[in-house]
Structure formats: C-alpha cells, structure tokens
Amino acid sequence: MIRVPNRRSLTRLNDRTRERSHWVRPAPIIRAMPWNADYFPTSMRHLGRATREKAIEIANALLEGGMPEGKAIRIAIAKAKEWAHARGLPVRGDD
C-alpha cells in the first residue's frame, strides 16, 4: 500500500483494513482501445487477412466483456485460427 498525504479525491480502505486509518487513491480504470484492420496487436501480424479480421473482431468483443488485454489476444488468435481452418481459409499470411 502506498501512503498518500493529500486527501483530496481519495477513498477510504475497506472495513477489514480501516483500522490502519490511512487513505489510498483508487486504481485508475484503463480501457483498451478497440483494434481495427490498421491498428492491431503485433502478435496478429502473421495471420492471414481474413483470419486477422476475425481475431480482431473476437478480441474487441472479449475486451468489451471486461477480459484483460493479453488474455483476449491469445483467445482471439486461437479461435480465429479454428474459424479459418474450419472454412478452409489460409491461417497464416504466407499460406
């Protein structure tokens, strides 16, 4: 825990730790920016165009649901590969 001397915009700790009687800043809410065909994670660059677009669509949906970014990327790539393979599309960009 970080002790913060400035009490403006600070919140009290929960009841279990209240007896310590110090204040902390609330954690910032970080929202990931949705990806698109021009802006996507580097781990998706090896995917074929159609597979990458599907992975981006899946990852954006997972992020919207509150999943952490790293986990969303991994799941999206795996599911997009399954999707492409089932449809006979190239999974990798060099296929």
PDB file of N, CA and C in Angstrom:
ATOM      1  N   MET A   1       0.825  -1.180   0.000  1.00  0.00           N
ATOM      2  CA  MET A   1       0.000   0.000   0.000  1.00  0.00           C
ATOM      3  C   MET A   1       0.871   1.246   0.000  1.00  0.00           C
ATOM      4  N   ILE A   2       0.437   2.221  -0.716  1.00  0.00           N
ATOM      5  CA  ILE A   2       1.154   3.485  -0.794  1.00  0.00           C
ATOM      6  C   ILE A   2       0.441   4.498   0.099  1.00  0.00           C
ATOM      7  N   ARG A   3       1.178   5.124   0.951  1.00  0.00           N
ATOM      8  CA  ARG A   3       0.594   6.177   1.792  1.00  0.00           C
ATOM      9  C   ARG A   3       0.598   7.476   1.000  1.00  0.00           C
ATOM     10  N   VAL A   4      -0.544   8.138   1.011  1.00  0.00           N
ATOM     11  CA  VAL A   4      -0.698   9.369   0.251  1.00  0.00           C
ATOM     12  C   VAL A   4      -1.074  10.485   1.216  1.00  0.00           C
ATOM     13  N   PRO A   5      -0.282  11.542   1.305  1.00  0.00           N
ATOM     14  CA  PRO A   5      -0.582  12.603   2.261  1.00  0.00           C
ATOM     15  C   PRO A   5      -1.750  13.491   1.830  1.00  0.00           C
ATOM     16  N   ASN A   6      -1.977  13.656   0.551  1.00  0.00           N
ATOM     17  CA  ASN A   6      -3.033  14.517   0.056  1.00  0.00           C
ATOM     18  C   ASN A   6      -4.359  13.772   0.104  1.00  0.00           C
ATOM     19  N   ARG A   7      -5.356  14.298   0.797  1.00  0.00           N
ATOM     20  CA  ARG A   7      -6.616  13.578   0.975  1.00  0.00           C
ATOM     21  C   ARG A   7      -7.680  13.952  -0.052  1.00  0.00           C
ATOM     22  N   ARG A   8      -7.384  14.864  -0.947  1.00  0.00           N
ATOM     23  CA  ARG A   8      -8.357  15.200  -1.986  1.00  0.00           C
ATOM     24  C   ARG A   8      -8.495  14.029  -2.946  1.00  0.00           C
ATOM     25  N   SER A   9      -9.700  13.749  -3.371  1.00  0.00           N
ATOM     26  CA  SER A   9     -10.042  12.686  -4.313  1.00  0.00           C
ATOM     27  C   SER A   9      -9.503  11.313  -3.881  1.00  0.00           C
ATOM     28  N   LEU A  10      -9.490  11.091  -2.593  1.00  0.00           N
ATOM     29  CA  LEU A  10      -9.031   9.807  -2.078  1.00  0.00           C
ATOM     30  C   LEU A  10     -10.198   9.062  -1.465  1.00  0.00           C
ATOM     31  N   THR A  11     -10.108   7.753  -1.381  1.00  0.00           N
ATOM     32  CA  THR A  11     -11.168   6.948  -0.775  1.00  0.00           C
ATOM     33  C   THR A  11     -10.613   6.157   0.392  1.00  0.00           C
ATOM     34  N   ARG A  12     -11.477   5.826   1.313  1.00  0.00           N
ATOM     35  CA  ARG A  12     -11.112   5.049   2.482  1.00  0.00           C
ATOM     36  C   ARG A  12     -10.922   3.592   2.077  1.00  0.00           C
ATOM     37  N   LEU A  13     -10.062   2.885   2.751  1.00  0.00           N
ATOM     38  CA  LEU A  13      -9.892   1.457   2.508  1.00  0.00           C
ATOM     39  C   LEU A  13     -11.120   0.706   2.986  1.00  0.00           C
ATOM     40  N   ASN A  14     -11.250  -0.562   2.624  1.00  0.00           N
ATOM     41  CA  ASN A  14     -12.415  -1.335   3.046  1.00  0.00           C
ATOM     42  C   ASN A  14     -12.405  -1.566   4.555  1.00  0.00           C
ATOM     43  N   ASP A  15     -13.509  -2.083   5.076  1.00  0.00           N
ATOM     44  CA  ASP A  15     -13.670  -2.233   6.533  1.00  0.00           C
ATOM     45  C   ASP A  15     -12.595  -3.087   7.172  1.00  0.00           C
ATOM     46  N   ARG A  16     -12.126  -4.102   6.465  1.00  0.00           N
ATOM     47  CA  ARG A  16     -11.133  -5.004   7.038  1.00  0.00           C
ATOM     48  C   ARG A  16      -9.824  -4.286   7.338  1.00  0.00           C
ATOM     49  N   THR A  17      -9.459  -3.316   6.519  1.00  0.00           N
ATOM     50  CA  THR A  17      -8.182  -2.617   6.723  1.00  0.00           C
ATOM     51  C   THR A  17      -8.374  -1.211   7.268  1.00  0.00           C
ATOM     52  N   ARG A  18      -9.589  -0.834   7.592  1.00  0.00           N
ATOM     53  CA  ARG A  18      -9.866   0.526   8.048  1.00  0.00           C
ATOM     54  C   ARG A  18      -9.133   0.869   9.345  1.00  0.00           C
ATOM     55  N   GLU A  19      -8.862  -0.138  10.187  1.00  0.00           N
ATOM     56  CA  GLU A  19      -8.204   0.163  11.453  1.00  0.00           C
ATOM     57  C   GLU A  19      -6.818   0.768  11.256  1.00  0.00           C
ATOM     58  N   ARG A  20      -6.230   0.611  10.074  1.00  0.00           N
ATOM     59  CA  ARG A  20      -4.927   1.227   9.806  1.00  0.00           C
ATOM     60  C   ARG A  20      -5.059   2.737   9.658  1.00  0.00           C
ATOM     61  N   SER A  21      -6.246   3.171   9.270  1.00  0.00           N
ATOM     62  CA  SER A  21      -6.582   4.584   9.178  1.00  0.00           C
ATOM     63  C   SER A  21      -5.658   5.361   8.238  1.00  0.00           C
ATOM     64  N   HIS A  22      -5.444   4.864   7.044  1.00  0.00           N
ATOM     65  CA  HIS A  22      -4.765   5.665   6.052  1.00  0.00           C
ATOM     66  C   HIS A  22      -5.567   5.645   4.757  1.00  0.00           C
ATOM     67  N   TRP A  23      -5.265   6.553   3.891  1.00  0.00           N
ATOM     68  CA  TRP A  23      -6.054   6.751   2.687  1.00  0.00           C
ATOM     69  C   TRP A  23      -5.238   6.352   1.459  1.00  0.00           C
ATOM     70  N   VAL A  24      -5.910   5.864   0.431  1.00  0.00           N
ATOM     71  CA  VAL A  24      -5.229   5.496  -0.809  1.00  0.00           C
ATOM     72  C   VAL A  24      -6.021   6.021  -1.997  1.00  0.00           C
ATOM     73  N   ARG A  25      -5.328   6.244  -3.099  1.00  0.00           N
ATOM     74  CA  ARG A  25      -6.001   6.652  -4.329  1.00  0.00           C
ATOM     75  C   ARG A  25      -6.655   5.439  -4.979  1.00  0.00           C
ATOM     76  N   PRO A  26      -7.854   5.598  -5.525  1.00  0.00           N
ATOM     77  CA  PRO A  26      -8.462   4.470  -6.232  1.00  0.00           C
ATOM     78  C   PRO A  26      -7.680   4.145  -7.497  1.00  0.00           C
ATOM     79  N   ALA A  27      -7.668   2.890  -7.875  1.00  0.00           N
ATOM     80  CA  ALA A  27      -6.949   2.475  -9.086  1.00  0.00           C
ATOM     81  C   ALA A  27      -7.646   3.063 -10.311  1.00  0.00           C
ATOM     82  N   PRO A  28      -6.877   3.542 -11.287  1.00  0.00           N
ATOM     83  CA  PRO A  28      -7.498   4.099 -12.483  1.00  0.00           C
ATOM     84  C   PRO A  28      -8.137   2.998 -13.327  1.00  0.00           C
ATOM     85  N   ILE A  29      -9.233   3.345 -13.976  1.00  0.00           N
ATOM     86  CA  ILE A  29      -9.888   2.404 -14.872  1.00  0.00           C
ATOM     87  C   ILE A  29      -9.246   2.571 -16.241  1.00  0.00           C
ATOM     88  N   ILE A  30      -8.641   1.493 -16.729  1.00  0.00           N
ATOM     89  CA  ILE A  30      -7.950   1.539 -18.010  1.00  0.00           C
ATOM     90  C   ILE A  30      -8.786   0.770 -19.024  1.00  0.00           C
ATOM     91  N   ARG A  31      -9.208   1.461 -20.042  1.00  0.00           N
ATOM     92  CA  ARG A  31      -9.990   0.828 -21.089  1.00  0.00           C
ATOM     93  C   ARG A  31      -9.103   0.700 -22.318  1.00  0.00           C
ATOM     94  N   ALA A  32      -9.063  -0.496 -22.873  1.00  0.00           N
ATOM     95  CA  ALA A  32      -8.247  -0.726 -24.056  1.00  0.00           C
ATOM     96  C   ALA A  32      -8.950  -0.140 -25.278  1.00  0.00           C
ATOM     97  N   MET A  33      -8.158   0.393 -26.169  1.00  0.00           N
ATOM     98  CA  MET A  33      -8.699   0.939 -27.400  1.00  0.00           C
ATOM     99  C   MET A  33      -9.040  -0.210 -28.339  1.00  0.00           C
ATOM    100  N   PRO A  34     -10.226  -0.181 -28.972  1.00  0.00           N
ATOM    101  CA  PRO A  34     -10.568  -1.281 -29.878  1.00  0.00           C
ATOM    102  C   PRO A  34      -9.635  -1.304 -31.087  1.00  0.00           C
ATOM    103  N   TRP A  35      -9.375  -2.492 -31.566  1.00  0.00           N
ATOM    104  CA  TRP A  35      -8.473  -2.664 -32.695  1.00  0.00           C
ATOM    105  C   TRP A  35      -9.255  -2.648 -34.001  1.00  0.00           C
ATOM    106  N   ASN A  36      -8.541  -2.399 -35.093  1.00  0.00           N
ATOM    107  CA  ASN A  36      -9.138  -2.443 -36.425  1.00  0.00           C
ATOM    108  C   ASN A  36      -8.102  -2.995 -37.394  1.00  0.00           C
ATOM    109  N   ALA A  37      -8.405  -2.961 -38.690  1.00  0.00           N
ATOM    110  CA  ALA A  37      -7.512  -3.557 -39.693  1.00  0.00           C
ATOM    111  C   ALA A  37      -6.159  -2.846 -39.772  1.00  0.00           C
ATOM    112  N   ASP A  38      -6.116  -1.568 -39.404  1.00  0.00           N
ATOM    113  CA  ASP A  38      -4.864  -0.812 -39.459  1.00  0.00           C
ATOM    114  C   ASP A  38      -4.123  -0.791 -38.128  1.00  0.00           C
ATOM    115  N   TYR A  39      -4.845  -0.954 -37.039  1.00  0.00           N
ATOM    116  CA  TYR A  39      -4.261  -0.912 -35.699  1.00  0.00           C
ATOM    117  C   TYR A  39      -4.636  -2.207 -34.980  1.00  0.00           C
ATOM    118  N   PHE A  40      -3.669  -3.106 -34.833  1.00  0.00           N
ATOM    119  CA  PHE A  40      -3.919  -4.392 -34.183  1.00  0.00           C
ATOM    120  C   PHE A  40      -2.656  -4.829 -33.460  1.00  0.00           C
ATOM    121  N   PRO A  41      -2.767  -5.783 -32.519  1.00  0.00           N
ATOM    122  CA  PRO A  41      -1.596  -6.256 -31.777  1.00  0.00           C
ATOM    123  C   PRO A  41      -0.561  -6.897 -32.710  1.00  0.00           C
ATOM    124  N   THR A  42       0.693  -6.725 -32.405  1.00  0.00           N
ATOM    125  CA  THR A  42       1.754  -7.274 -33.250  1.00  0.00           C
ATOM    126  C   THR A  42       1.712  -8.797 -33.306  1.00  0.00           C
ATOM    127  N   SER A  43       1.142  -9.427 -32.303  1.00  0.00           N
ATOM    128  CA  SER A  43       1.055 -10.885 -32.325  1.00  0.00           C
ATOM    129  C   SER A  43       0.073 -11.386 -33.386  1.00  0.00           C
ATOM    130  N   MET A  44      -0.702 -10.496 -33.980  1.00  0.00           N
ATOM    131  CA  MET A  44      -1.636 -10.882 -35.048  1.00  0.00           C
ATOM    132  C   MET A  44      -1.081 -10.625 -36.446  1.00  0.00           C
ATOM    133  N   ARG A  45       0.118 -10.089 -36.544  1.00  0.00           N
ATOM    134  CA  ARG A  45       0.636  -9.703 -37.860  1.00  0.00           C
ATOM    135  C   ARG A  45       0.928 -10.897 -38.770  1.00  0.00           C
ATOM    136  N   HIS A  46       1.149 -12.074 -38.199  1.00  0.00           N
ATOM    137  CA  HIS A  46       1.454 -13.255 -39.008  1.00  0.00           C
ATOM    138  C   HIS A  46       0.196 -13.912 -39.575  1.00  0.00           C
ATOM    139  N   LEU A  47      -0.981 -13.505 -39.123  1.00  0.00           N
ATOM    140  CA  LEU A  47      -2.221 -14.114 -39.580  1.00  0.00           C
ATOM    141  C   LEU A  47      -2.598 -13.613 -40.972  1.00  0.00           C
ATOM    142  N   GLY A  48      -3.318 -14.434 -41.703  1.00  0.00           N
ATOM    143  CA  GLY A  48      -3.855 -14.011 -42.990  1.00  0.00           C
ATOM    144  C   GLY A  48      -4.885 -12.906 -42.787  1.00  0.00           C
ATOM    145  N   ARG A  49      -5.231 -12.198 -43.863  1.00  0.00           N
ATOM    146  CA  ARG A  49      -6.131 -11.048 -43.745  1.00  0.00           C
ATOM    147  C   ARG A  49      -7.472 -11.421 -43.110  1.00  0.00           C
ATOM    148  N   ALA A  50      -8.144 -12.434 -43.642  1.00  0.00           N
ATOM    149  CA  ALA A  50      -9.457 -12.824 -43.122  1.00  0.00           C
ATOM    150  C   ALA A  50      -9.352 -13.339 -41.685  1.00  0.00           C
ATOM    151  N   THR A  51      -8.323 -14.103 -41.407  1.00  0.00           N
ATOM    152  CA  THR A  51      -8.123 -14.639 -40.057  1.00  0.00           C
ATOM    153  C   THR A  51      -7.833 -13.513 -39.077  1.00  0.00           C
ATOM    154  N   ARG A  52      -7.027 -12.542 -39.484  1.00  0.00           N
ATOM    155  CA  ARG A  52      -6.709 -11.398 -38.622  1.00  0.00           C
ATOM    156  C   ARG A  52      -7.965 -10.577 -38.332  1.00  0.00           C
ATOM    157  N   GLU A  53      -8.785 -10.345 -39.353  1.00  0.00           N
ATOM    158  CA  GLU A  53     -10.013  -9.578 -39.145  1.00  0.00           C
ATOM    159  C   GLU A  53     -10.939 -10.284 -38.158  1.00  0.00           C
ATOM    160  N   LYS A  54     -11.012 -11.600 -38.259  1.00  0.00           N
ATOM    161  CA  LYS A  54     -11.835 -12.360 -37.312  1.00  0.00           C
ATOM    162  C   LYS A  54     -11.243 -12.291 -35.911  1.00  0.00           C
ATOM    163  N   ALA A  55      -9.920 -12.391 -35.801  1.00  0.00           N
ATOM    164  CA  ALA A  55      -9.259 -12.298 -34.497  1.00  0.00           C
ATOM    165  C   ALA A  55      -9.496 -10.926 -33.870  1.00  0.00           C
ATOM    166  N   ILE A  56      -9.459  -9.873 -34.665  1.00  0.00           N
ATOM    167  CA  ILE A  56      -9.711  -8.515 -34.169  1.00  0.00           C
ATOM    168  C   ILE A  56     -11.146  -8.402 -33.667  1.00  0.00           C
ATOM    169  N   GLU A  57     -12.071  -8.963 -34.426  1.00  0.00           N
ATOM    170  CA  GLU A  57     -13.481  -8.934 -34.032  1.00  0.00           C
ATOM    171  C   GLU A  57     -13.692  -9.658 -32.699  1.00  0.00           C
ATOM    172  N   ILE A  58     -13.092 -10.822 -32.562  1.00  0.00           N
ATOM    173  CA  ILE A  58     -13.216 -11.616 -31.332  1.00  0.00           C
ATOM    174  C   ILE A  58     -12.555 -10.889 -30.162  1.00  0.00           C
ATOM    175  N   ALA A  59     -11.354 -10.356 -30.379  1.00  0.00           N
ATOM    176  CA  ALA A  59     -10.622  -9.668 -29.303  1.00  0.00           C
ATOM    177  C   ALA A  59     -11.383  -8.439 -28.822  1.00  0.00           C
ATOM    178  N   ASN A  60     -11.956  -7.670 -29.736  1.00  0.00           N
ATOM    179  CA  ASN A  60     -12.727  -6.490 -29.337  1.00  0.00           C
ATOM    180  C   ASN A  60     -13.943  -6.887 -28.502  1.00  0.00           C
ATOM    181  N   ALA A  61     -14.604  -7.985 -28.883  1.00  0.00           N
ATOM    182  CA  ALA A  61     -15.758  -8.456 -28.114  1.00  0.00           C
ATOM    183  C   ALA A  61     -15.334  -8.896 -26.714  1.00  0.00           C
ATOM    184  N   LEU A  62     -14.196  -9.579 -26.618  1.00  0.00           N
ATOM    185  CA  LEU A  62     -13.712 -10.020 -25.307  1.00  0.00           C
ATOM    186  C   LEU A  62     -13.327  -8.839 -24.429  1.00  0.00           C
ATOM    187  N   LEU A  63     -12.690  -7.826 -25.015  1.00  0.00           N
ATOM    188  CA  LEU A  63     -12.322  -6.629 -24.257  1.00  0.00           C
ATOM    189  C   LEU A  63     -13.560  -5.905 -23.754  1.00  0.00           C
ATOM    190  N   GLU A  64     -14.574  -5.851 -24.593  1.00  0.00           N
ATOM    191  CA  GLU A  64     -15.822  -5.204 -24.206  1.00  0.00           C
ATOM    192  C   GLU A  64     -16.456  -5.923 -23.019  1.00  0.00           C
ATOM    193  N   GLY A  65     -16.249  -7.231 -22.958  1.00  0.00           N
ATOM    194  CA  GLY A  65     -16.764  -8.022 -21.844  1.00  0.00           C
ATOM    195  C   GLY A  65     -15.941  -7.917 -20.576  1.00  0.00           C
ATOM    196  N   GLY A  66     -14.831  -7.180 -20.625  1.00  0.00           N
ATOM    197  CA  GLY A  66     -14.031  -6.950 -19.435  1.00  0.00           C
ATOM    198  C   GLY A  66     -12.838  -7.867 -19.259  1.00  0.00           C
ATOM    199  N   MET A  67     -12.493  -8.626 -20.278  1.00  0.00           N
ATOM    200  CA  MET A  67     -11.349  -9.527 -20.183  1.00  0.00           C
ATOM    201  C   MET A  67     -10.037  -8.736 -20.304  1.00  0.00           C
ATOM    202  N   PRO A  68      -8.991  -9.141 -19.596  1.00  0.00           N
ATOM    203  CA  PRO A  68      -7.692  -8.470 -19.732  1.00  0.00           C
ATOM    204  C   PRO A  68      -7.163  -8.572 -21.169  1.00  0.00           C
ATOM    205  N   GLU A  69      -6.429  -7.558 -21.579  1.00  0.00           N
ATOM    206  CA  GLU A  69      -5.970  -7.452 -22.964  1.00  0.00           C
ATOM    207  C   GLU A  69      -5.144  -8.657 -23.427  1.00  0.00           C
ATOM    208  N   GLY A  70      -4.168  -9.071 -22.645  1.00  0.00           N
ATOM    209  CA  GLY A  70      -3.304 -10.182 -23.045  1.00  0.00           C
ATOM    210  C   GLY A  70      -4.073 -11.477 -23.241  1.00  0.00           C
ATOM    211  N   LYS A  71      -4.969 -11.758 -22.319  1.00  0.00           N
ATOM    212  CA  LYS A  71      -5.773 -12.970 -22.425  1.00  0.00           C
ATOM    213  C   LYS A  71      -6.712 -12.896 -23.617  1.00  0.00           C
ATOM    214  N   ALA A  72      -7.292 -11.725 -23.870  1.00  0.00           N
ATOM    215  CA  ALA A  72      -8.201 -11.540 -25.002  1.00  0.00           C
ATOM    216  C   ALA A  72      -7.479 -11.785 -26.323  1.00  0.00           C
ATOM    217  N   ILE A  73      -6.245 -11.321 -26.429  1.00  0.00           N
ATOM    218  CA  ILE A  73      -5.475 -11.509 -27.660  1.00  0.00           C
ATOM    219  C   ILE A  73      -5.202 -12.989 -27.899  1.00  0.00           C
ATOM    220  N   ARG A  74      -4.755 -13.692 -26.866  1.00  0.00           N
ATOM    221  CA  ARG A  74      -4.443 -15.115 -27.019  1.00  0.00           C
ATOM    222  C   ARG A  74      -5.671 -15.928 -27.411  1.00  0.00           C
ATOM    223  N   ILE A  75      -6.780 -15.686 -26.752  1.00  0.00           N
ATOM    224  CA  ILE A  75      -8.001 -16.424 -27.064  1.00  0.00           C
ATOM    225  C   ILE A  75      -8.485 -16.087 -28.464  1.00  0.00           C
ATOM    226  N   ALA A  76      -8.435 -14.802 -28.830  1.00  0.00           N
ATOM    227  CA  ALA A  76      -8.909 -14.379 -30.147  1.00  0.00           C
ATOM    228  C   ALA A  76      -8.106 -15.026 -31.268  1.00  0.00           C
ATOM    229  N   ILE A  77      -6.795 -15.101 -31.114  1.00  0.00           N
ATOM    230  CA  ILE A  77      -5.957 -15.718 -32.144  1.00  0.00           C
ATOM    231  C   ILE A  77      -6.285 -17.207 -32.273  1.00  0.00           C
ATOM    232  N   ALA A  78      -6.407 -17.894 -31.158  1.00  0.00           N
ATOM    233  CA  ALA A  78      -6.706 -19.327 -31.191  1.00  0.00           C
ATOM    234  C   ALA A  78      -8.063 -19.591 -31.837  1.00  0.00           C
ATOM    235  N   LYS A  79      -9.071 -18.825 -31.462  1.00  0.00           N
ATOM    236  CA  LYS A  79     -10.414 -19.023 -32.020  1.00  0.00           C
ATOM    237  C   LYS A  79     -10.467 -18.636 -33.491  1.00  0.00           C
ATOM    238  N   ALA A  80      -9.747 -17.602 -33.883  1.00  0.00           N
ATOM    239  CA  ALA A  80      -9.722 -17.195 -35.291  1.00  0.00           C
ATOM    240  C   ALA A  80      -9.034 -18.251 -36.152  1.00  0.00           C
ATOM    241  N   LYS A  81      -7.993 -18.879 -35.612  1.00  0.00           N
ATOM    242  CA  LYS A  81      -7.327 -19.960 -36.342  1.00  0.00           C
ATOM    243  C   LYS A  81      -8.278 -21.138 -36.541  1.00  0.00           C
ATOM    244  N   GLU A  82      -9.022 -21.488 -35.492  1.00  0.00           N
ATOM    245  CA  GLU A  82     -10.018 -22.554 -35.609  1.00  0.00           C
ATOM    246  C   GLU A  82     -11.068 -22.198 -36.657  1.00  0.00           C
ATOM    247  N   TRP A  83     -11.536 -20.962 -36.620  1.00  0.00           N
ATOM    248  CA  TRP A  83     -12.539 -20.476 -37.557  1.00  0.00           C
ATOM    249  C   TRP A  83     -12.034 -20.577 -38.992  1.00  0.00           C
ATOM    250  N   ALA A  84     -10.808 -20.128 -39.245  1.00  0.00           N
ATOM    251  CA  ALA A  84     -10.241 -20.147 -40.593  1.00  0.00           C
ATOM    252  C   ALA A  84     -10.021 -21.583 -41.073  1.00  0.00           C
ATOM    253  N   HIS A  85      -9.523 -22.418 -40.199  1.00  0.00           N
ATOM    254  CA  HIS A  85      -9.264 -23.808 -40.572  1.00  0.00           C
ATOM    255  C   HIS A  85     -10.565 -24.519 -40.948  1.00  0.00           C
ATOM    256  N   ALA A  86     -11.634 -24.269 -40.201  1.00  0.00           N
ATOM    257  CA  ALA A  86     -12.930 -24.899 -40.475  1.00  0.00           C
ATOM    258  C   ALA A  86     -13.506 -24.459 -41.822  1.00  0.00           C
ATOM    259  N   ARG A  87     -13.131 -23.275 -42.290  1.00  0.00           N
ATOM    260  CA  ARG A  87     -13.642 -22.750 -43.550  1.00  0.00           C
ATOM    261  C   ARG A  87     -12.666 -22.909 -44.708  1.00  0.00           C
ATOM    262  N   GLY A  88     -11.528 -23.519 -44.447  1.00  0.00           N
ATOM    263  CA  GLY A  88     -10.533 -23.727 -45.495  1.00  0.00           C
ATOM    264  C   GLY A  88      -9.814 -22.466 -45.918  1.00  0.00           C
ATOM    265  N   LEU A  89      -9.801 -21.463 -45.050  1.00  0.00           N
ATOM    266  CA  LEU A  89      -9.103 -20.208 -45.346  1.00  0.00           C
ATOM    267  C   LEU A  89      -7.651 -20.302 -44.878  1.00  0.00           C
ATOM    268  N   PRO A  90      -6.760 -19.512 -45.485  1.00  0.00           N
ATOM    269  CA  PRO A  90      -5.371 -19.521 -45.009  1.00  0.00           C
ATOM    270  C   PRO A  90      -5.267 -18.922 -43.608  1.00  0.00           C
ATOM    271  N   VAL A  91      -4.597 -19.632 -42.716  1.00  0.00           N
ATOM    272  CA  VAL A  91      -4.427 -19.166 -41.350  1.00  0.00           C
ATOM    273  C   VAL A  91      -3.317 -18.146 -41.263  1.00  0.00           C
ATOM    274  N   ARG A  92      -2.199 -18.430 -41.922  1.00  0.00           N
ATOM    275  CA  ARG A  92      -1.049 -17.528 -41.915  1.00  0.00           C
ATOM    276  C   ARG A  92      -1.038 -16.664 -43.150  1.00  0.00           C
ATOM    277  N   GLY A  93      -0.381 -15.539 -43.086  1.00  0.00           N
ATOM    278  CA  GLY A  93      -0.318 -14.626 -44.195  1.00  0.00           C
ATOM    279  C   GLY A  93       0.456 -15.166 -45.387  1.00  0.00           C
ATOM    280  N   ASP A  94       1.372 -16.100 -45.157  1.00  0.00           N
ATOM    281  CA  ASP A  94       2.193 -16.637 -46.251  1.00  0.00           C
ATOM    282  C   ASP A  94       1.597 -17.898 -46.863  1.00  0.00           C
ATOM    283  N   ASP A  95       0.416 -18.345 -46.414  1.00  0.00           N
ATOM    284  CA  ASP A  95      -0.226 -19.542 -46.982  1.00  0.00           C
ATOM    285  C   ASP A  95      -0.890 -19.243 -48.322  1.00  0.00           C
TER     286      ASP A  95
END
